[in-house]
Amino acid sequence: MEGHNSNLTQLPQVGVVMVPLPAQSHLNQLLHLSHFITSYGIPVHFAGSESHNRQAKLRLHGWNTERLAKIQFHDFQLPPYNTSPPVPSTLGHTVPFPAHFYPLFEAATHLREPVSQLLQQLSTMYKRVIVIHDIVIASVVQDVKLIPNAESYSLVPISSFALFLGFWENIADKPFQLDLTDIPKSIPSNEGCTPPEIDSFVANQFKFRGIESGNIYNTSRPIEGRYVELLEKLSADKKHFVLGPFNPVELKSSSSSQRHECLEWLDQQEQGSVIYVSFGSSTSLSYEQTRELAAGLETSGQKFVWVLRNCDTGDIFAEGELKRPQLPQQYEERVKNRGIVLRDWAPQLEILAHPSTGGFMSHCGWNSCIESISMGVALAAWPMHSEQPLNALLVTEVLRVGTLVRDWEHRDKLVSSTTIENAVKTLMTTEEGEKMRKRAIELGDAVRQSLAKGGTAEVEMDSFIAHICR
C-alpha cells in the first residue's frame, strides 16, 4: 500500500490520533495501521500509557524500526492498578479469560482527561483532527464531540464475522433476512468466553458508541466481505472502511545479525513441513495441559516451533516474574532434531511467512487468524476465550482453512495428547489437510492481491485517506 496515488499528496493538513486498548493484540493493530497512515505523509500521534507504548514498539515485527520515528508517541501516566500475575488453569478446567487485565482496563479509562487535553491542543495545529480509537475504549475519546474540527472512527479489533453475530443475536426484530449460507448451523455458546466484570466493562464502553463517524475493520474483503456487507446493512448511516490486514504481508528481511534463531532453524527444514504452535499474549496453559501438548507434538512425528510462555501481565515491565512453564524432563533433548521450544516473544509474522511453515496451531485471536490467512497458512484451531470460538468457527466452517483441535463444548476438559496428535496429523499429513492448506494459500494470494497496487484494499485505503483529508 506504499504506492498511493500522487493526487492525495496535495491535501489540507490533517493529524491522526490513535487511542488503543492497552493489551498486546489491540496495541499491535493500531501501531500497524499507524505505519500505513504515515506512508501518506500524514502525522500520527499514538496516545497511551508509557509502559504500553513501550511494549507496542518493542514487539513490533515486519517493519523497519526507523519507521517508528515517523509516529509521535504521547506517554501518559495511568493511576496505580493491580498487576497480579495470571493464574494458569487447574486440571480439568478450561484456560480462563485473563481476568487480571480488568484492573488495567479500568485504569485506562482515566486517560480521558489527558487525551481530551491532547485533542484540544492538536485541534489548534491541524485543520482536522482524526481520532481512531479501539471500539472497547470509546469512553476515553468521548470529548471529541466538543471539538468542532475533530471526528472519530472506531477500530473493530475482532473479526467482522464475530461482530456481526454478536449484534445479530441481540436484535429482537431482525431488519432483514439472511441467506442460508451466512451463519453456520451450530454456533458456539457464549458461556465461559468472558467473566462478568469484562462483559460489564465492554457494555459500558458500548454506551459511547454513536459519536464516531464510521468504523474501520482490520479485515480483508476476500476473507470476510460478506460479513462487512451485513454490518454495512445493519448501520447504513455510518461509513465503513475495510483497511486490513494491517500487518505487512511483504516483510522487510532482517539483517543476519538481527534474525531470530528460529528463522535460522526454519531455513534448514523442508517447505511446508513445520507446524507453528502459539497461543498468543493472553493465554497461560496449566502444567497438565502443557504436558499433554508436549506429548501430542512429540508423538505426531511432525516438525514444530512451539512458543511456550505465560500470558502477559498488566505491565510486562513490572518487577516480578511468573514461574515459567515446565516441560517434561529431557523433552527438548528428545525432540531436538525436529522441534524447537521458544520461551520468549517470537517473530510471529516472519515465522508464518517462512516457506517451511505449513500450519499454525492457534488460540484463534483475530491478529493470529488474519496474520496466518494473509500469509497463506492453514490453522489448527484451539479457541481459549473471548470471541475466539467464533473465529475458530469462521476458520474451520466458513473459510474451511483449518481443523478444530478442541470443540468449545468440551472447554472444561483437558485436551489429551492423542487429540492434539490427531489434529496435527490431520492438518499436516492427510488429504483433507492438504485441501485446507491449498485453500489457505489461495486465500492468502487473494488477500495480498487486494493490497497490491490497484487492489481493493489499496483503493479502500486511498478512499479513507481522501475522506479524512476532504
Protein backbone atom coordinates (compact mmCIF):
# COMPACT_ATOMS: atom_id res chain seq x y z
CA MET A 1 0.00 0.00 0.00
CA GLU A 2 3.05 2.24 -0.07
CA GLY A 3 2.39 3.25 -3.66
CA HIS A 4 -0.53 5.54 -3.02
CA ASN A 5 -1.95 7.91 -5.57
CA SER A 6 0.03 11.10 -6.14
CA ASN A 7 -3.16 13.19 -6.24
CA LEU A 8 -3.60 12.51 -2.49
CA THR A 9 -0.46 14.42 -1.58
CA GLN A 10 -1.84 17.94 -2.20
CA LEU A 11 -4.30 17.89 0.70
CA PRO A 12 -5.10 20.13 3.67
CA GLN A 13 -3.24 19.14 6.76
CA VAL A 14 -4.78 16.51 8.97
CA GLY A 15 -3.45 14.93 12.17
CA VAL A 16 -4.42 11.44 13.27
CA VAL A 17 -4.58 10.34 16.93
CA MET A 18 -4.54 6.64 17.82
CA VAL A 19 -6.10 5.56 21.14
CA PRO A 20 -5.60 1.83 21.80
CA LEU A 21 -6.86 -0.52 24.49
CA PRO A 22 -3.68 -1.41 26.45
CA ALA A 23 -3.50 -5.13 25.59
CA GLN A 24 -0.99 -6.54 23.10
CA SER A 25 -3.44 -7.72 20.43
CA HIS A 26 -5.09 -4.27 20.41
CA LEU A 27 -1.93 -2.15 20.63
CA ASN A 28 -0.43 -4.12 17.76
CA GLN A 29 -3.29 -3.40 15.34
CA LEU A 30 -3.29 0.38 15.82
CA LEU A 31 0.50 0.55 15.57
CA HIS A 32 0.43 -1.35 12.26
CA LEU A 33 -2.32 0.98 10.97
CA SER A 34 -0.23 3.99 12.07
CA HIS A 35 2.51 2.91 9.65
CA PHE A 36 0.11 2.80 6.71
CA ILE A 37 -1.22 6.27 7.52
CA THR A 38 2.25 7.83 7.91
CA SER A 39 3.13 6.42 4.46
CA TYR A 40 0.69 9.03 3.07
CA GLY A 41 2.67 11.82 4.73
CA ILE A 42 0.04 12.27 7.44
CA PRO A 43 1.30 12.81 11.02
CA VAL A 44 0.19 10.20 13.56
CA HIS A 45 0.04 10.67 17.34
CA PHE A 46 -0.12 7.45 19.41
CA ALA A 47 -1.69 8.13 22.83
CA GLY A 48 -1.31 5.61 25.63
CA SER A 49 0.48 4.78 28.86
CA GLU A 50 4.28 4.97 28.84
CA SER A 51 4.56 1.25 29.60
CA HIS A 52 2.16 0.11 26.87
CA ASN A 53 3.58 2.43 24.22
CA ARG A 54 6.98 0.94 25.04
CA GLN A 55 5.54 -2.60 24.81
CA ALA A 56 3.95 -1.90 21.41
CA LYS A 57 7.24 -0.57 19.99
CA LEU A 58 9.34 -3.37 21.47
CA ARG A 59 7.20 -6.13 19.96
CA LEU A 60 6.59 -4.65 16.53
CA HIS A 61 7.60 -7.03 13.73
CA GLY A 62 7.59 -6.79 9.97
CA TRP A 63 8.55 -3.11 9.63
CA ASN A 64 11.88 -1.32 9.64
CA THR A 65 12.24 0.10 13.15
CA GLU A 66 13.20 3.54 11.79
CA ARG A 67 9.59 3.83 10.63
CA LEU A 68 8.64 4.31 14.30
CA ALA A 69 10.36 7.73 14.20
CA LYS A 70 7.51 8.96 11.98
CA ILE A 71 4.98 8.37 14.80
CA GLN A 72 4.77 10.71 17.78
CA PHE A 73 4.14 8.77 21.00
CA HIS A 74 2.37 10.50 23.87
CA ASP A 75 3.21 8.71 27.13
CA PHE A 76 0.57 9.25 29.80
CA GLN A 77 0.54 8.01 33.39
CA LEU A 78 -2.13 5.56 34.50
CA PRO A 79 -3.39 5.60 38.09
CA PRO A 80 -2.00 2.67 40.14
CA TYR A 81 -3.68 -0.66 39.36
CA ASN A 82 -3.31 -4.26 40.44
CA THR A 83 -0.82 -6.10 38.21
CA SER A 84 -1.14 -9.51 39.88
CA PRO A 85 0.03 -12.26 37.55
CA PRO A 86 -2.35 -14.55 35.66
CA VAL A 87 -3.17 -17.88 37.26
CA PRO A 88 -2.88 -20.85 34.89
CA SER A 89 -5.96 -23.06 34.95
CA THR A 90 -6.05 -26.22 37.03
CA LEU A 91 -6.54 -29.75 35.80
CA GLY A 92 -9.82 -30.33 34.02
CA HIS A 93 -10.73 -26.66 33.60
CA THR A 94 -10.62 -24.53 30.53
CA VAL A 95 -7.98 -21.83 30.21
CA PRO A 96 -9.91 -18.84 31.62
CA PHE A 97 -10.16 -15.35 30.24
CA PRO A 98 -7.17 -13.35 31.59
CA ALA A 99 -9.29 -11.52 34.18
CA HIS A 100 -6.10 -9.99 35.63
CA PHE A 101 -6.34 -7.43 32.78
CA TYR A 102 -9.54 -5.97 34.22
CA PRO A 103 -7.84 -3.52 36.69
CA LEU A 104 -5.64 -2.31 33.80
CA PHE A 105 -8.65 -1.69 31.52
CA GLU A 106 -10.39 0.25 34.30
CA ALA A 107 -7.22 2.29 34.90
CA ALA A 108 -7.04 3.05 31.16
CA THR A 109 -10.45 4.78 31.26
CA HIS A 110 -8.72 7.51 33.32
CA LEU A 111 -6.87 8.57 30.17
CA ARG A 112 -9.98 10.55 29.18
CA GLU A 113 -8.64 13.81 30.64
CA PRO A 114 -5.07 13.74 29.19
CA VAL A 115 -6.40 12.54 25.81
CA SER A 116 -9.00 15.32 25.83
CA GLN A 117 -6.26 17.89 26.53
CA LEU A 118 -4.14 16.43 23.72
CA LEU A 119 -7.07 16.67 21.27
CA GLN A 120 -7.73 20.30 22.27
CA GLN A 121 -4.05 21.13 21.69
CA LEU A 122 -3.89 19.33 18.32
CA SER A 123 -7.14 20.96 17.17
CA THR A 124 -5.23 24.26 17.01
CA MET A 125 -2.41 22.70 14.95
CA TYR A 126 -4.40 20.89 12.23
CA LYS A 127 -7.35 21.77 10.06
CA ARG A 128 -8.89 18.50 11.16
CA VAL A 129 -8.08 16.02 13.93
CA ILE A 130 -8.98 12.40 13.20
CA VAL A 131 -9.27 10.13 16.24
CA ILE A 132 -9.05 6.36 15.66
CA HIS A 133 -9.87 4.52 18.87
CA ASP A 134 -10.35 0.92 19.86
CA ILE A 135 -14.09 0.17 19.96
CA VAL A 136 -13.78 -1.02 23.59
CA ILE A 137 -12.08 2.13 24.92
CA ALA A 138 -14.60 4.61 23.49
CA SER A 139 -15.17 6.41 26.81
CA VAL A 140 -11.63 7.84 26.67
CA VAL A 141 -12.41 9.81 23.47
CA GLN A 142 -15.95 10.92 24.35
CA ASP A 143 -14.88 14.61 24.41
CA VAL A 144 -14.19 14.52 20.68
CA LYS A 145 -17.78 15.72 20.22
CA LEU A 146 -16.84 19.02 21.93
CA ILE A 147 -14.15 19.82 19.35
CA PRO A 148 -15.61 21.30 16.13
CA ASN A 149 -12.74 20.24 13.85
CA ALA A 150 -12.37 16.69 15.22
CA GLU A 151 -14.09 13.43 14.30
CA SER A 152 -13.63 9.87 15.48
CA TYR A 153 -13.60 6.38 13.99
CA SER A 154 -13.95 3.09 15.88
CA LEU A 155 -11.40 0.39 15.17
CA VAL A 156 -13.05 -3.04 15.17
CA PRO A 157 -10.21 -5.25 16.51
CA ILE A 158 -12.12 -8.53 16.08
CA SER A 159 -13.42 -10.40 13.03
CA SER A 160 -16.42 -8.93 11.20
CA PHE A 161 -17.97 -12.39 11.49
CA ALA A 162 -17.80 -12.28 15.32
CA LEU A 163 -19.00 -8.65 15.47
CA PHE A 164 -21.94 -9.32 13.16
CA LEU A 165 -23.05 -12.45 15.05
CA GLY A 166 -22.78 -10.53 18.35
CA PHE A 167 -25.03 -7.74 17.04
CA TRP A 168 -27.43 -10.04 15.17
CA GLU A 169 -28.33 -12.30 18.08
CA ASN A 170 -29.19 -9.26 20.23
CA ILE A 171 -31.66 -7.80 17.71
CA ALA A 172 -35.22 -8.80 18.61
CA ASP A 173 -36.86 -7.65 15.34
CA LYS A 174 -34.47 -8.70 12.61
CA PRO A 175 -34.29 -5.90 9.99
CA PHE A 176 -33.68 -8.27 7.05
CA GLN A 177 -33.37 -11.95 6.22
CA LEU A 178 -30.05 -13.75 6.00
CA ASP A 179 -29.06 -16.21 3.30
CA LEU A 180 -28.93 -19.81 4.46
CA THR A 181 -25.16 -19.83 4.00
CA ASP A 182 -24.48 -16.72 6.12
CA ILE A 183 -24.46 -18.39 9.51
CA PRO A 184 -23.22 -21.93 10.24
CA LYS A 185 -25.82 -24.23 11.82
CA SER A 186 -24.00 -24.71 15.11
CA ILE A 187 -22.85 -21.51 16.85
CA PRO A 188 -20.64 -21.98 19.93
CA SER A 189 -22.12 -20.85 23.24
CA ASN A 190 -21.02 -17.53 24.79
CA GLU A 191 -20.72 -19.31 28.11
CA GLY A 192 -17.21 -19.30 29.52
CA CYS A 193 -15.91 -16.77 26.98
CA THR A 194 -15.56 -13.77 29.30
CA PRO A 195 -16.07 -13.12 33.04
CA PRO A 196 -18.91 -10.80 34.20
CA GLU A 197 -16.62 -7.86 35.01
CA ILE A 198 -15.26 -7.84 31.43
CA ASP A 199 -18.78 -8.13 29.98
CA SER A 200 -19.78 -5.17 32.11
CA PHE A 201 -16.68 -3.16 31.06
CA VAL A 202 -17.41 -3.75 27.35
CA ALA A 203 -21.11 -2.91 27.80
CA ASN A 204 -20.13 0.39 29.47
CA GLN A 205 -17.78 1.24 26.58
CA PHE A 206 -20.51 0.43 24.05
CA LYS A 207 -22.68 3.13 25.67
CA PHE A 208 -20.37 5.64 23.98
CA ARG A 209 -20.99 4.21 20.51
CA GLY A 210 -22.67 6.66 18.18
CA ILE A 211 -20.23 9.57 18.46
CA GLU A 212 -17.98 8.02 15.81
CA SER A 213 -18.25 8.92 12.11
CA GLY A 214 -17.52 5.38 10.99
CA ASN A 215 -15.94 2.00 11.60
CA ILE A 216 -12.54 0.74 10.50
CA TYR A 217 -12.12 -3.01 10.11
CA ASN A 218 -8.85 -4.91 10.37
CA THR A 219 -10.03 -7.47 7.87
CA SER A 220 -9.97 -8.12 4.17
CA ARG A 221 -12.88 -8.39 1.72
CA PRO A 222 -11.54 -11.67 0.27
CA ILE A 223 -11.78 -13.13 3.80
CA GLU A 224 -14.90 -11.52 5.26
CA GLY A 225 -16.51 -9.40 2.55
CA ARG A 226 -19.96 -10.88 3.17
CA TYR A 227 -19.93 -10.06 6.89
CA VAL A 228 -18.76 -6.49 6.29
CA GLU A 229 -21.68 -6.12 3.82
CA LEU A 230 -24.09 -7.33 6.51
CA LEU A 231 -22.61 -4.86 9.04
CA GLU A 232 -22.93 -2.07 6.45
CA LYS A 233 -26.58 -3.07 6.05
CA LEU A 234 -27.15 -3.02 9.83
CA SER A 235 -25.74 0.53 10.22
CA ALA A 236 -26.18 2.19 6.85
CA ASP A 237 -25.85 5.65 8.44
CA LYS A 238 -22.16 5.04 9.19
CA LYS A 239 -19.13 4.89 6.94
CA HIS A 240 -17.34 1.53 6.86
CA PHE A 241 -13.69 1.18 5.82
CA VAL A 242 -12.13 -2.25 5.31
CA LEU A 243 -8.43 -1.39 5.59
CA GLY A 244 -6.87 -4.71 6.60
CA PRO A 245 -4.96 -6.71 7.06
CA PHE A 246 -2.92 -4.08 8.92
CA ASN A 247 0.04 -6.44 9.31
CA PRO A 248 2.58 -6.14 6.48
CA VAL A 249 2.45 -9.05 4.03
CA GLU A 250 5.74 -8.28 2.28
CA LEU A 251 8.26 -8.39 5.10
CA LYS A 252 11.48 -6.44 5.18
CA SER A 253 14.18 -9.07 5.76
CA SER A 254 16.19 -8.54 8.95
CA SER A 255 19.96 -8.40 8.70
CA SER A 256 21.52 -11.78 9.54
CA SER A 257 22.77 -10.45 12.91
CA GLN A 258 19.21 -9.49 13.91
CA ARG A 259 17.46 -12.64 12.65
CA HIS A 260 15.79 -14.72 15.31
CA GLU A 261 17.35 -18.15 15.95
CA CYS A 262 14.16 -19.96 14.98
CA LEU A 263 14.32 -18.48 11.46
CA GLU A 264 17.80 -19.96 11.01
CA TRP A 265 16.36 -23.32 12.11
CA LEU A 266 13.41 -22.97 9.71
CA ASP A 267 15.88 -22.31 6.86
CA GLN A 268 17.09 -25.92 7.28
CA GLN A 269 13.62 -27.53 7.04
CA GLU A 270 11.62 -28.68 4.01
CA GLN A 271 8.94 -26.46 2.54
CA GLY A 272 5.61 -26.62 4.40
CA SER A 273 6.90 -29.24 6.85
CA VAL A 274 6.70 -27.33 10.16
CA ILE A 275 3.71 -26.55 12.38
CA TYR A 276 3.97 -23.35 14.40
CA VAL A 277 2.35 -23.55 17.87
CA SER A 278 1.49 -20.38 19.80
CA PHE A 279 -1.43 -19.27 21.96
CA GLY A 280 -0.82 -15.53 21.93
CA SER A 281 -0.31 -13.00 24.67
CA SER A 282 -3.39 -13.73 26.80
CA THR A 283 -3.29 -17.49 27.46
CA SER A 284 -1.38 -19.48 30.10
CA LEU A 285 -1.61 -23.26 29.90
CA SER A 286 -1.70 -25.36 33.06
CA TYR A 287 1.17 -27.75 33.76
CA GLU A 288 -1.12 -30.71 32.93
CA GLN A 289 -2.17 -29.20 29.60
CA THR A 290 1.42 -28.29 28.73
CA ARG A 291 2.43 -31.90 29.35
CA GLU A 292 -0.35 -33.22 27.06
CA LEU A 293 0.59 -30.74 24.32
CA ALA A 294 4.26 -31.72 24.60
CA ALA A 295 3.36 -35.41 24.26
CA GLY A 296 0.98 -34.77 21.34
CA LEU A 297 3.59 -32.83 19.39
CA GLU A 298 6.21 -35.48 20.09
CA THR A 299 4.08 -38.47 19.03
CA SER A 300 2.73 -36.67 15.93
CA GLY A 301 6.16 -37.05 14.32
CA GLN A 302 5.80 -33.56 12.82
CA LYS A 303 8.39 -30.78 12.94
CA PHE A 304 7.34 -27.85 15.11
CA VAL A 305 8.21 -24.43 16.50
CA TRP A 306 6.43 -24.07 19.86
CA VAL A 307 6.19 -20.75 21.71
CA LEU A 308 5.77 -21.76 25.35
CA ARG A 309 5.27 -18.74 27.58
CA ASN A 310 2.87 -17.36 30.14
CA CYS A 311 0.37 -14.77 29.15
CA ASP A 312 1.20 -11.09 29.63
CA THR A 313 0.74 -9.35 32.95
CA GLY A 314 -0.93 -5.93 33.11
CA ASP A 315 2.53 -4.35 32.88
CA ILE A 316 5.14 -6.56 31.21
CA PHE A 317 7.97 -4.35 32.55
CA ALA A 318 6.90 -4.54 36.21
CA GLU A 319 9.13 -6.31 38.71
CA GLY A 320 8.48 -9.96 39.50
CA GLU A 321 8.23 -12.89 37.15
CA LEU A 322 5.69 -15.67 36.96
CA LYS A 323 7.13 -19.16 37.20
CA ARG A 324 7.99 -20.32 33.69
CA PRO A 325 6.01 -23.21 32.18
CA GLN A 326 7.75 -26.54 32.77
CA LEU A 327 8.29 -29.29 30.19
CA PRO A 328 8.68 -33.00 30.93
CA GLN A 329 12.28 -33.99 31.77
CA GLN A 330 14.65 -34.28 28.80
CA TYR A 331 11.84 -33.32 26.42
CA GLU A 332 13.87 -30.79 24.43
CA GLU A 333 16.73 -33.27 24.15
CA ARG A 334 14.37 -35.92 22.74
CA VAL A 335 12.80 -33.64 20.11
CA LYS A 336 15.89 -31.55 19.25
CA ASN A 337 16.12 -32.85 15.67
CA ARG A 338 12.59 -31.90 14.73
CA GLY A 339 11.25 -29.34 17.16
CA ILE A 340 12.30 -26.19 18.96
CA VAL A 341 10.70 -24.57 22.00
CA LEU A 342 10.85 -20.78 22.32
CA ARG A 343 10.24 -19.27 25.74
CA ASP A 344 10.10 -15.60 24.84
CA TRP A 345 8.41 -13.28 22.38
CA ALA A 346 8.67 -14.76 18.87
CA PRO A 347 8.63 -13.03 15.45
CA GLN A 348 5.24 -14.50 14.50
CA LEU A 349 4.86 -12.73 11.15
CA GLU A 350 8.29 -13.90 9.99
CA ILE A 351 7.59 -17.46 11.14
CA LEU A 352 4.25 -17.55 9.30
CA ALA A 353 5.82 -16.04 6.17
CA HIS A 354 8.65 -18.62 6.14
CA PRO A 355 8.31 -21.22 3.33
CA SER A 356 8.96 -24.07 5.80
CA THR A 357 5.88 -23.21 7.88
CA GLY A 358 2.92 -25.33 6.76
CA GLY A 359 0.44 -24.93 9.63
CA PHE A 360 -0.36 -22.91 12.75
CA MET A 361 -1.85 -24.30 15.98
CA SER A 362 -3.51 -21.20 17.41
CA HIS A 363 -5.89 -19.86 20.05
CA CYS A 364 -7.60 -18.03 17.16
CA GLY A 365 -7.19 -14.49 18.43
CA TRP A 366 -8.04 -12.22 15.49
CA ASN A 367 -4.46 -10.97 14.99
CA SER A 368 -3.23 -14.55 14.69
CA CYS A 369 -6.07 -15.58 12.36
CA ILE A 370 -5.63 -12.73 9.92
CA GLU A 371 -1.81 -12.92 10.02
CA SER A 372 -1.97 -16.64 9.28
CA ILE A 373 -4.50 -16.30 6.46
CA SER A 374 -2.67 -13.34 4.89
CA MET A 375 0.49 -15.49 4.83
CA GLY A 376 -1.44 -18.44 3.33
CA VAL A 377 -1.04 -20.74 6.36
CA ALA A 378 -3.84 -23.10 7.47
CA LEU A 379 -4.79 -23.38 11.14
CA ALA A 380 -5.35 -25.98 13.84
CA ALA A 381 -7.92 -24.02 15.86
CA TRP A 382 -7.88 -24.25 19.66
CA PRO A 383 -10.00 -21.34 20.98
CA MET A 384 -9.38 -20.28 24.59
CA HIS A 385 -11.69 -17.32 25.45
CA SER A 386 -13.36 -14.09 24.24
CA GLU A 387 -14.57 -14.24 20.61
CA GLN A 388 -12.02 -16.94 19.75
CA PRO A 389 -14.65 -19.74 19.47
CA LEU A 390 -16.39 -17.67 16.75
CA ASN A 391 -13.09 -17.04 14.96
CA ALA A 392 -12.42 -20.79 15.08
CA LEU A 393 -15.84 -21.36 13.51
CA LEU A 394 -15.04 -18.84 10.75
CA VAL A 395 -11.70 -20.54 10.04
CA THR A 396 -12.97 -24.14 10.06
CA GLU A 397 -16.60 -23.99 8.82
CA VAL A 398 -16.91 -20.82 6.74
CA LEU A 399 -13.47 -20.38 5.15
CA ARG A 400 -12.51 -24.07 5.54
CA VAL A 401 -8.82 -23.27 6.04
CA GLY A 402 -8.41 -25.14 9.29
CA THR A 403 -9.31 -28.04 11.56
CA LEU A 404 -10.60 -27.89 15.14
CA VAL A 405 -8.34 -29.14 17.93
CA ARG A 406 -10.88 -28.79 20.73
CA ASP A 407 -14.62 -28.21 20.40
CA TRP A 408 -15.81 -25.30 22.57
CA GLU A 409 -18.46 -27.55 24.18
CA HIS A 410 -15.66 -29.53 25.83
CA ARG A 411 -13.75 -26.47 27.06
CA ASP A 412 -13.76 -27.71 30.67
CA LYS A 413 -11.91 -30.92 29.73
CA LEU A 414 -8.19 -31.42 29.41
CA VAL A 415 -7.25 -31.84 25.73
CA SER A 416 -5.46 -35.19 25.51
CA SER A 417 -2.16 -35.76 23.76
CA THR A 418 -3.97 -38.13 21.36
CA THR A 419 -6.46 -35.41 20.36
CA ILE A 420 -3.58 -32.98 19.78
CA GLU A 421 -1.59 -35.56 17.81
CA ASN A 422 -4.63 -36.29 15.60
CA ALA A 423 -5.26 -32.59 14.91
CA VAL A 424 -1.62 -32.04 13.93
CA LYS A 425 -1.64 -35.07 11.63
CA THR A 426 -4.99 -34.07 10.09
CA LEU A 427 -3.67 -30.64 9.17
CA MET A 428 -0.16 -31.64 8.11
CA THR A 429 -0.39 -35.15 6.60
CA THR A 430 -3.89 -36.00 5.35
CA GLU A 431 -5.67 -35.34 2.06
CA GLU A 432 -8.29 -33.34 3.98
CA GLY A 433 -5.50 -31.20 5.49
CA GLU A 434 -3.92 -30.79 2.06
CA LYS A 435 -7.21 -29.24 0.83
CA MET A 436 -7.27 -26.85 3.79
CA ARG A 437 -3.68 -25.82 3.18
CA LYS A 438 -4.37 -25.30 -0.52
CA ARG A 439 -7.41 -23.11 0.26
CA ALA A 440 -5.32 -21.12 2.76
CA ILE A 441 -2.64 -20.48 0.11
CA GLU A 442 -5.30 -19.34 -2.39
CA LEU A 443 -6.95 -17.07 0.18
CA GLY A 444 -3.55 -15.63 1.16
CA ASP A 445 -2.87 -14.87 -2.53
CA ALA A 446 -6.25 -13.11 -2.82
CA VAL A 447 -5.52 -11.02 0.29
CA ARG A 448 -2.09 -10.00 -0.99
CA GLN A 449 -3.55 -9.09 -4.40
CA SER A 450 -6.10 -6.85 -2.65
CA LEU A 451 -3.18 -4.99 -1.00
CA ALA A 452 -1.18 -4.62 -4.23
CA LYS A 453 -1.32 -1.51 -6.42
CA GLY A 454 -4.87 -1.03 -7.65
CA GLY A 455 -6.20 -3.83 -5.39
CA THR A 456 -9.44 -3.41 -3.42
CA ALA A 457 -7.69 -2.81 -0.06
CA GLU A 458 -5.34 -0.21 -1.54
CA VAL A 459 -8.27 1.57 -3.22
CA GLU A 460 -10.17 1.49 0.08
CA MET A 461 -7.19 2.90 1.99
CA ASP A 462 -6.86 5.68 -0.60
CA SER A 463 -10.58 6.34 -0.20
CA PHE A 464 -10.24 6.55 3.60
CA ILE A 465 -7.29 8.96 3.33
CA ALA A 466 -9.18 11.10 0.80
CA HIS A 467 -12.22 11.11 3.13
CA ILE A 468 -10.33 12.28 6.23
CA CYS A 469 -8.43 14.88 4.15
CA ARG A 470 -11.55 16.16 2.37
